[in-house]
Structure formats: structure tokens, C-alpha cells
Amino acid sequence: MEKIKDEELKQLQDLHAEFNKVKSQIGDAELQKQNLILKVHELKDEFTKLEKGLMETYGHDAVINLETGEVKKKENGENK
């Protein structure tokens, strides 16, 4: 039976191992991406709930400065 050279076998095995490693890393990255997408949805839901509560407390035309917490009323023509 004919066999490939030891150097060729080593190179083939190394490339195969590296290929599998990269495929696994892609899978891990995709799982991280999915987890981050879920986190974004959770944060958006929390933000919406908080926003509704603040609107009930301070009015639908309130504009809150995120740095200072100052509440102003929205001026005519100013977008949300």
C-alpha cells in the first residue's frame, strides 16, 4: 500500500485541525452574536417600559437630558 510522505501527512493534519478550529470559532462568534441580539431586545423592552413610566410622570411632551436629568417640555416643531 502506498502512503503519503510524513511531511505531507503532517501538513494535511495541521490544515485539517486549523480548519476545524476556525469553524468552531465561527460557531462561537455566531452564538455570541445571537446572545447580543437577545440582549439588545431585552434592553429595548426595558427602555420602552421606563419611557412609558416617565411619560406618565412627566408628560408625553417631556424631553429628558440624559446627562443632567433635567426635564423640559418639547417645543413646537421639535421631534421626539
C-alpha atoms as a PDB file:
ATOM      1  CA  MET A   1       0.000   0.000   0.000  1.00  0.00           C
ATOM      2  CA  GLU A   2       1.277   3.442  -0.912  1.00  0.00           C
ATOM      3  CA  LYS A   3       1.394   6.200   1.732  1.00  0.00           C
ATOM      4  CA  ILE A   4       1.966   9.922   1.515  1.00  0.00           C
ATOM      5  CA  LYS A   5       5.161  11.348   2.944  1.00  0.00           C
ATOM      6  CA  ASP A   6       5.245  12.080   6.671  1.00  0.00           C
ATOM      7  CA  GLU A   7       5.683  15.810   5.981  1.00  0.00           C
ATOM      8  CA  GLU A   8       2.633  15.790   3.684  1.00  0.00           C
ATOM      9  CA  LEU A   9       0.571  13.917   6.283  1.00  0.00           C
ATOM     10  CA  LYS A  10       1.629  16.384   8.986  1.00  0.00           C
ATOM     11  CA  GLN A  11       0.740  19.340   6.761  1.00  0.00           C
ATOM     12  CA  LEU A  12      -2.636  17.772   5.897  1.00  0.00           C
ATOM     13  CA  GLN A  13      -3.402  17.057   9.556  1.00  0.00           C
ATOM     14  CA  ASP A  14      -2.375  20.568  10.630  1.00  0.00           C
ATOM     15  CA  LEU A  15      -4.535  22.191   7.967  1.00  0.00           C
ATOM     16  CA  HIS A  16      -7.493  19.981   8.882  1.00  0.00           C
ATOM     17  CA  ALA A  17      -7.084  20.830  12.580  1.00  0.00           C
ATOM     18  CA  GLU A  18      -6.835  24.565  11.824  1.00  0.00           C
ATOM     19  CA  PHE A  19      -9.923  24.353   9.583  1.00  0.00           C
ATOM     20  CA  ASN A  20     -11.922  22.699  12.382  1.00  0.00           C
ATOM     21  CA  LYS A  21     -10.654  25.256  14.894  1.00  0.00           C
ATOM     22  CA  VAL A  22     -11.780  28.160  12.685  1.00  0.00           C
ATOM     23  CA  LYS A  23     -15.186  26.535  12.093  1.00  0.00           C
ATOM     24  CA  SER A  24     -15.612  26.231  15.850  1.00  0.00           C
ATOM     25  CA  GLN A  25     -14.632  29.880  16.329  1.00  0.00           C
ATOM     26  CA  ILE A  26     -17.234  30.901  13.741  1.00  0.00           C
ATOM     27  CA  GLY A  27     -19.861  28.936  15.670  1.00  0.00           C
ATOM     28  CA  ASP A  28     -18.821  30.592  18.935  1.00  0.00           C
ATOM     29  CA  ALA A  29     -18.966  34.022  17.299  1.00  0.00           C
ATOM     30  CA  GLU A  30     -22.447  33.295  15.940  1.00  0.00           C
ATOM     31  CA  LEU A  31     -23.644  32.245  19.399  1.00  0.00           C
ATOM     32  CA  GLN A  32     -22.212  35.453  20.857  1.00  0.00           C
ATOM     33  CA  LYS A  33     -23.974  37.416  18.132  1.00  0.00           C
ATOM     34  CA  GLN A  34     -27.301  35.751  18.920  1.00  0.00           C
ATOM     35  CA  ASN A  35     -26.846  36.434  22.643  1.00  0.00           C
ATOM     36  CA  LEU A  36     -26.054  40.083  21.922  1.00  0.00           C
ATOM     37  CA  ILE A  37     -29.137  40.387  19.711  1.00  0.00           C
ATOM     38  CA  LEU A  38     -31.279  38.982  22.524  1.00  0.00           C
ATOM     39  CA  LYS A  39     -29.674  41.445  24.951  1.00  0.00           C
ATOM     40  CA  VAL A  40     -30.479  44.341  22.608  1.00  0.00           C
ATOM     41  CA  HIS A  41     -34.135  43.252  22.510  1.00  0.00           C
ATOM     42  CA  GLU A  42     -34.224  43.000  26.318  1.00  0.00           C
ATOM     43  CA  LEU A  43     -32.703  46.466  26.681  1.00  0.00           C
ATOM     44  CA  LYS A  44     -35.161  47.930  24.176  1.00  0.00           C
ATOM     45  CA  ASP A  45     -38.059  46.404  26.138  1.00  0.00           C
ATOM     46  CA  GLU A  46     -36.695  47.806  29.427  1.00  0.00           C
ATOM     47  CA  PHE A  47     -36.188  51.217  27.815  1.00  0.00           C
ATOM     48  CA  THR A  48     -39.748  51.216  26.458  1.00  0.00           C
ATOM     49  CA  LYS A  49     -41.193  50.335  29.894  1.00  0.00           C
ATOM     50  CA  LEU A  50     -39.137  53.040  31.600  1.00  0.00           C
ATOM     51  CA  GLU A  51     -40.020  55.561  28.912  1.00  0.00           C
ATOM     52  CA  LYS A  52     -43.750  54.861  29.361  1.00  0.00           C
ATOM     53  CA  GLY A  53     -43.452  55.357  33.115  1.00  0.00           C
ATOM     54  CA  LEU A  54     -41.546  58.601  32.681  1.00  0.00           C
ATOM     55  CA  MET A  55     -44.119  59.832  30.166  1.00  0.00           C
ATOM     56  CA  GLU A  56     -46.887  59.154  32.680  1.00  0.00           C
ATOM     57  CA  THR A  57     -44.964  61.015  35.374  1.00  0.00           C
ATOM     58  CA  TYR A  58     -43.584  63.961  33.401  1.00  0.00           C
ATOM     59  CA  GLY A  59     -45.930  64.130  30.401  1.00  0.00           C
ATOM     60  CA  HIS A  60     -45.846  62.959  26.824  1.00  0.00           C
ATOM     61  CA  ASP A  61     -44.131  66.151  25.707  1.00  0.00           C
ATOM     62  CA  ALA A  62     -41.247  65.847  28.192  1.00  0.00           C
ATOM     63  CA  VAL A  63     -37.668  65.872  26.965  1.00  0.00           C
ATOM     64  CA  ILE A  64     -35.129  64.499  29.446  1.00  0.00           C
ATOM     65  CA  ASN A  65     -31.478  65.464  29.297  1.00  0.00           C
ATOM     66  CA  LEU A  66     -29.610  62.148  29.715  1.00  0.00           C
ATOM     67  CA  GLU A  67     -26.574  63.868  31.232  1.00  0.00           C
ATOM     68  CA  THR A  68     -28.273  66.064  33.828  1.00  0.00           C
ATOM     69  CA  GLY A  69     -31.745  64.545  34.254  1.00  0.00           C
ATOM     70  CA  GLU A  70     -33.289  67.937  33.535  1.00  0.00           C
ATOM     71  CA  VAL A  71     -36.836  67.721  32.214  1.00  0.00           C
ATOM     72  CA  LYS A  72     -38.091  70.231  29.652  1.00  0.00           C
ATOM     73  CA  LYS A  73     -41.257  70.384  27.648  1.00  0.00           C
ATOM     74  CA  LYS A  74     -40.903  69.680  23.936  1.00  0.00           C
ATOM     75  CA  GLU A  75     -41.054  72.890  21.898  1.00  0.00           C
ATOM     76  CA  ASN A  76     -43.235  73.142  18.808  1.00  0.00           C
ATOM     77  CA  GLY A  77     -41.561  71.515  15.820  1.00  0.00           C
ATOM     78  CA  GLU A  78     -39.088  69.576  17.946  1.00  0.00           C
ATOM     79  CA  ASN A  79     -39.063  65.851  17.172  1.00  0.00           C
ATOM     80  CA  LYS A  80     -39.006  63.108  19.777  1.00  0.00           C
END
